[in-house]
Amino acid sequence: MPEDYEKRAQELNLAPPPAVREALAMADTQVIDCRSSDEIAAAAKDTTSVPGIRDGKVDHPNWHQTNCAGGECQEISKVAESMPKPSNEKPVVVIYCRSGRRASWAKNSLVKDYGYSPDQILNAGGYNDVVSILKN
């Protein structure tokens, strides 16, 4: 895991890596990337081969992208409306960004505005955290 992971995990209430790995293996999990298109493009330049990662993002059939900035995720409504409605199954969403902070904003919005419970959303932290989780 990246060097600052433990500090961010406590500060941002990041999900345990085994739970993230398990959720990403499920076909019905929704995956939300809160990075900008430029951040994704920059990550795509890294040619390291990691199963589950392709073109700088998580390779998942239910991958969504929304750009969060300035403490909010104004475009999260488009993503939320395109996803299945929350159910009683847990978890249903894995969310990440560069560090986990923007993912926290998006998670809060999904809980407050779209009917998800906090337990249904796993904040996986940053993209590099997800890469490390999938490597192990």
C-alpha atoms as a PDB file:
ATOM      1  CA  MET A   1       0.000   0.000   0.000  1.00  0.00           C
ATOM      2  CA  PRO A   2       1.152   3.582  -0.550  1.00  0.00           C
ATOM      3  CA  GLU A   3       3.183   5.070   2.271  1.00  0.00           C
ATOM      4  CA  ASP A   4       0.458   7.404   3.570  1.00  0.00           C
ATOM      5  CA  TYR A   5      -2.334   4.819   3.375  1.00  0.00           C
ATOM      6  CA  GLU A   6      -2.786   4.199   7.113  1.00  0.00           C
ATOM      7  CA  LYS A   7      -3.121   7.898   7.889  1.00  0.00           C
ATOM      8  CA  ARG A   8      -5.672   8.402   5.103  1.00  0.00           C
ATOM      9  CA  ALA A   9      -7.500   5.208   6.058  1.00  0.00           C
ATOM     10  CA  GLN A  10      -8.161   6.588   9.526  1.00  0.00           C
ATOM     11  CA  GLU A  11      -8.885  10.148   8.423  1.00  0.00           C
ATOM     12  CA  LEU A  12     -11.249   9.217   5.565  1.00  0.00           C
ATOM     13  CA  ASN A  13     -12.687   5.960   6.937  1.00  0.00           C
ATOM     14  CA  LEU A  14     -11.379   3.905   4.022  1.00  0.00           C
ATOM     15  CA  ALA A  15     -12.769   0.416   3.548  1.00  0.00           C
ATOM     16  CA  PRO A  16     -10.608  -2.594   4.451  1.00  0.00           C
ATOM     17  CA  PRO A  17      -8.632  -3.798   1.402  1.00  0.00           C
ATOM     18  CA  PRO A  18     -10.082  -7.363   1.509  1.00  0.00           C
ATOM     19  CA  ALA A  19     -13.635  -5.934   1.347  1.00  0.00           C
ATOM     20  CA  VAL A  20     -12.683  -3.783  -1.653  1.00  0.00           C
ATOM     21  CA  ARG A  21     -11.057  -6.741  -3.423  1.00  0.00           C
ATOM     22  CA  GLU A  22     -14.129  -8.912  -2.804  1.00  0.00           C
ATOM     23  CA  ALA A  23     -16.569  -6.227  -3.988  1.00  0.00           C
ATOM     24  CA  LEU A  24     -14.571  -5.570  -7.170  1.00  0.00           C
ATOM     25  CA  ALA A  25     -14.768  -9.281  -7.985  1.00  0.00           C
ATOM     26  CA  MET A  26     -18.586  -9.135  -8.017  1.00  0.00           C
ATOM     27  CA  ALA A  27     -20.124  -8.384 -11.421  1.00  0.00           C
ATOM     28  CA  ASP A  28     -23.033  -6.358 -10.007  1.00  0.00           C
ATOM     29  CA  THR A  29     -20.885  -3.950  -7.969  1.00  0.00           C
ATOM     30  CA  GLN A  30     -20.969  -0.359  -9.219  1.00  0.00           C
ATOM     31  CA  VAL A  31     -17.564   1.346  -9.433  1.00  0.00           C
ATOM     32  CA  ILE A  32     -17.279   5.134  -9.311  1.00  0.00           C
ATOM     33  CA  ASP A  33     -14.039   6.919 -10.223  1.00  0.00           C
ATOM     34  CA  CYS A  34     -14.061  10.502  -8.916  1.00  0.00           C
ATOM     35  CA  ARG A  35     -10.905  11.591 -10.750  1.00  0.00           C
ATOM     36  CA  SER A  36     -10.830  14.010 -13.655  1.00  0.00           C
ATOM     37  CA  SER A  37     -10.348  12.776 -17.207  1.00  0.00           C
ATOM     38  CA  ASP A  38      -6.840  14.279 -17.130  1.00  0.00           C
ATOM     39  CA  GLU A  39      -5.959  12.280 -14.002  1.00  0.00           C
ATOM     40  CA  ILE A  40      -7.214   9.087 -15.631  1.00  0.00           C
ATOM     41  CA  ALA A  41      -5.226   9.825 -18.799  1.00  0.00           C
ATOM     42  CA  ALA A  42      -2.074  10.430 -16.753  1.00  0.00           C
ATOM     43  CA  ALA A  43      -2.549   7.124 -14.920  1.00  0.00           C
ATOM     44  CA  ALA A  44      -3.031   5.345 -18.248  1.00  0.00           C
ATOM     45  CA  LYS A  45       0.551   6.243 -19.211  1.00  0.00           C
ATOM     46  CA  ASP A  46       1.794   3.763 -16.587  1.00  0.00           C
ATOM     47  CA  THR A  47       2.123   0.520 -18.490  1.00  0.00           C
ATOM     48  CA  THR A  48       2.439  -1.690 -15.407  1.00  0.00           C
ATOM     49  CA  SER A  49       0.288  -4.757 -15.932  1.00  0.00           C
ATOM     50  CA  VAL A  50      -2.113  -5.350 -13.048  1.00  0.00           C
ATOM     51  CA  PRO A  51      -5.108  -7.663 -13.402  1.00  0.00           C
ATOM     52  CA  GLY A  52      -8.271  -5.587 -13.029  1.00  0.00           C
ATOM     53  CA  ILE A  53      -6.640  -2.335 -14.185  1.00  0.00           C
ATOM     54  CA  ARG A  54      -6.763  -1.079 -17.771  1.00  0.00           C
ATOM     55  CA  ASP A  55      -6.137   2.327 -19.331  1.00  0.00           C
ATOM     56  CA  GLY A  56      -5.560   4.024 -15.972  1.00  0.00           C
ATOM     57  CA  LYS A  57      -8.807   2.882 -14.373  1.00  0.00           C
ATOM     58  CA  VAL A  58     -10.499  -0.112 -12.777  1.00  0.00           C
ATOM     59  CA  ASP A  59     -11.557  -2.523 -15.504  1.00  0.00           C
ATOM     60  CA  HIS A  60     -15.113  -3.314 -14.425  1.00  0.00           C
ATOM     61  CA  PRO A  61     -18.357  -3.571 -16.434  1.00  0.00           C
ATOM     62  CA  ASN A  62     -20.134  -1.106 -14.116  1.00  0.00           C
ATOM     63  CA  TRP A  63     -17.413   1.585 -14.077  1.00  0.00           C
ATOM     64  CA  HIS A  64     -18.612   5.203 -13.915  1.00  0.00           C
ATOM     65  CA  GLN A  65     -16.662   8.443 -13.860  1.00  0.00           C
ATOM     66  CA  THR A  66     -17.604  11.715 -12.190  1.00  0.00           C
ATOM     67  CA  ASN A  67     -15.317  14.644 -11.542  1.00  0.00           C
ATOM     68  CA  CYS A  68     -15.435  15.890  -7.964  1.00  0.00           C
ATOM     69  CA  ALA A  69     -13.786  19.161  -6.941  1.00  0.00           C
ATOM     70  CA  GLY A  70     -14.095  21.919  -4.377  1.00  0.00           C
ATOM     71  CA  GLY A  71     -15.748  19.783  -1.729  1.00  0.00           C
ATOM     72  CA  GLU A  72     -18.596  18.535  -3.874  1.00  0.00           C
ATOM     73  CA  CYS A  73     -19.483  16.241  -6.739  1.00  0.00           C
ATOM     74  CA  GLN A  74     -21.873  18.213  -8.897  1.00  0.00           C
ATOM     75  CA  GLU A  75     -22.072  15.510 -11.562  1.00  0.00           C
ATOM     76  CA  ILE A  76     -22.809  12.639  -9.147  1.00  0.00           C
ATOM     77  CA  SER A  77     -26.502  12.879 -10.042  1.00  0.00           C
ATOM     78  CA  LYS A  78     -25.783  11.597 -13.577  1.00  0.00           C
ATOM     79  CA  VAL A  79     -23.920   8.604 -12.163  1.00  0.00           C
ATOM     80  CA  ALA A  80     -26.500   7.906  -9.444  1.00  0.00           C
ATOM     81  CA  GLU A  81     -29.344   7.993 -11.950  1.00  0.00           C
ATOM     82  CA  SER A  82     -27.554   5.527 -14.235  1.00  0.00           C
ATOM     83  CA  MET A  83     -26.991   2.973 -11.454  1.00  0.00           C
ATOM     84  CA  PRO A  84     -29.513   0.449 -10.130  1.00  0.00           C
ATOM     85  CA  LYS A  85     -31.420   1.686  -7.107  1.00  0.00           C
ATOM     86  CA  PRO A  86     -29.902   0.726  -3.743  1.00  0.00           C
ATOM     87  CA  SER A  87     -30.952  -2.641  -2.376  1.00  0.00           C
ATOM     88  CA  ASN A  88     -30.456  -4.425   0.913  1.00  0.00           C
ATOM     89  CA  GLU A  89     -27.376  -6.180  -0.410  1.00  0.00           C
ATOM     90  CA  LYS A  90     -24.038  -4.892   0.842  1.00  0.00           C
ATOM     91  CA  PRO A  91     -21.867  -3.431  -0.487  1.00  0.00           C
ATOM     92  CA  VAL A  92     -23.061  -2.263  -3.860  1.00  0.00           C
ATOM     93  CA  VAL A  93     -20.630   0.571  -4.681  1.00  0.00           C
ATOM     94  CA  VAL A  94     -16.825   0.884  -4.661  1.00  0.00           C
ATOM     95  CA  ILE A  95     -15.684   4.484  -4.978  1.00  0.00           C
ATOM     96  CA  TYR A  96     -12.197   5.956  -5.375  1.00  0.00           C
ATOM     97  CA  CYS A  97     -10.302   9.046  -6.534  1.00  0.00           C
ATOM     98  CA  ARG A  98      -6.648  10.081  -6.127  1.00  0.00           C
ATOM     99  CA  SER A  99      -6.457   9.971  -2.322  1.00  0.00           C
ATOM    100  CA  GLY A 100      -9.937   9.064  -1.049  1.00  0.00           C
ATOM    101  CA  ARG A 101     -11.034  12.601  -0.163  1.00  0.00           C
ATOM    102  CA  ARG A 102     -13.201  13.242  -3.243  1.00  0.00           C
ATOM    103  CA  ALA A 103     -14.547   9.705  -2.939  1.00  0.00           C
ATOM    104  CA  SER A 104     -15.696  10.657   0.577  1.00  0.00           C
ATOM    105  CA  TRP A 105     -17.562  13.661  -0.832  1.00  0.00           C
ATOM    106  CA  ALA A 106     -19.258  11.463  -3.435  1.00  0.00           C
ATOM    107  CA  LYS A 107     -20.120   8.840  -0.821  1.00  0.00           C
ATOM    108  CA  ASN A 108     -21.723  11.498   1.377  1.00  0.00           C
ATOM    109  CA  SER A 109     -23.795  12.702  -1.575  1.00  0.00           C
ATOM    110  CA  LEU A 110     -24.981   9.178  -2.432  1.00  0.00           C
ATOM    111  CA  VAL A 111     -26.043   8.644   1.177  1.00  0.00           C
ATOM    112  CA  LYS A 112     -27.671  12.051   1.652  1.00  0.00           C
ATOM    113  CA  ASP A 113     -29.349  12.475  -1.721  1.00  0.00           C
ATOM    114  CA  TYR A 114     -29.817   9.034  -3.328  1.00  0.00           C
ATOM    115  CA  GLY A 115     -30.893   6.577  -0.634  1.00  0.00           C
ATOM    116  CA  TYR A 116     -27.718   4.578  -0.115  1.00  0.00           C
ATOM    117  CA  SER A 117     -26.649   3.575   3.377  1.00  0.00           C
ATOM    118  CA  PRO A 118     -23.018   4.200   4.358  1.00  0.00           C
ATOM    119  CA  ASP A 119     -22.488   0.428   4.600  1.00  0.00           C
ATOM    120  CA  GLN A 120     -23.381  -0.021   0.927  1.00  0.00           C
ATOM    121  CA  ILE A 121     -20.496   2.180  -0.262  1.00  0.00           C
ATOM    122  CA  LEU A 122     -16.833   1.258   0.113  1.00  0.00           C
ATOM    123  CA  ASN A 123     -14.398   4.164  -0.124  1.00  0.00           C
ATOM    124  CA  ALA A 124     -11.384   2.375  -1.607  1.00  0.00           C
ATOM    125  CA  GLY A 125      -9.205   5.465  -1.237  1.00  0.00           C
ATOM    126  CA  GLY A 126      -7.024   6.448  -4.136  1.00  0.00           C
ATOM    127  CA  TYR A 127      -6.380   4.867  -7.500  1.00  0.00           C
ATOM    128  CA  ASN A 128      -2.929   3.727  -6.352  1.00  0.00           C
ATOM    129  CA  ASP A 129      -4.540   2.118  -3.305  1.00  0.00           C
ATOM    130  CA  VAL A 130      -6.859   0.160  -5.600  1.00  0.00           C
ATOM    131  CA  VAL A 131      -3.906  -0.894  -7.760  1.00  0.00           C
ATOM    132  CA  SER A 132      -2.111  -2.156  -4.627  1.00  0.00           C
ATOM    133  CA  ILE A 133      -5.233  -3.975  -3.442  1.00  0.00           C
ATOM    134  CA  LEU A 134      -5.616  -5.735  -6.784  1.00  0.00           C
ATOM    135  CA  LYS A 135      -1.906  -6.667  -6.911  1.00  0.00           C
ATOM    136  CA  ASN A 136      -2.133  -8.584  -3.634  1.00  0.00           C
END
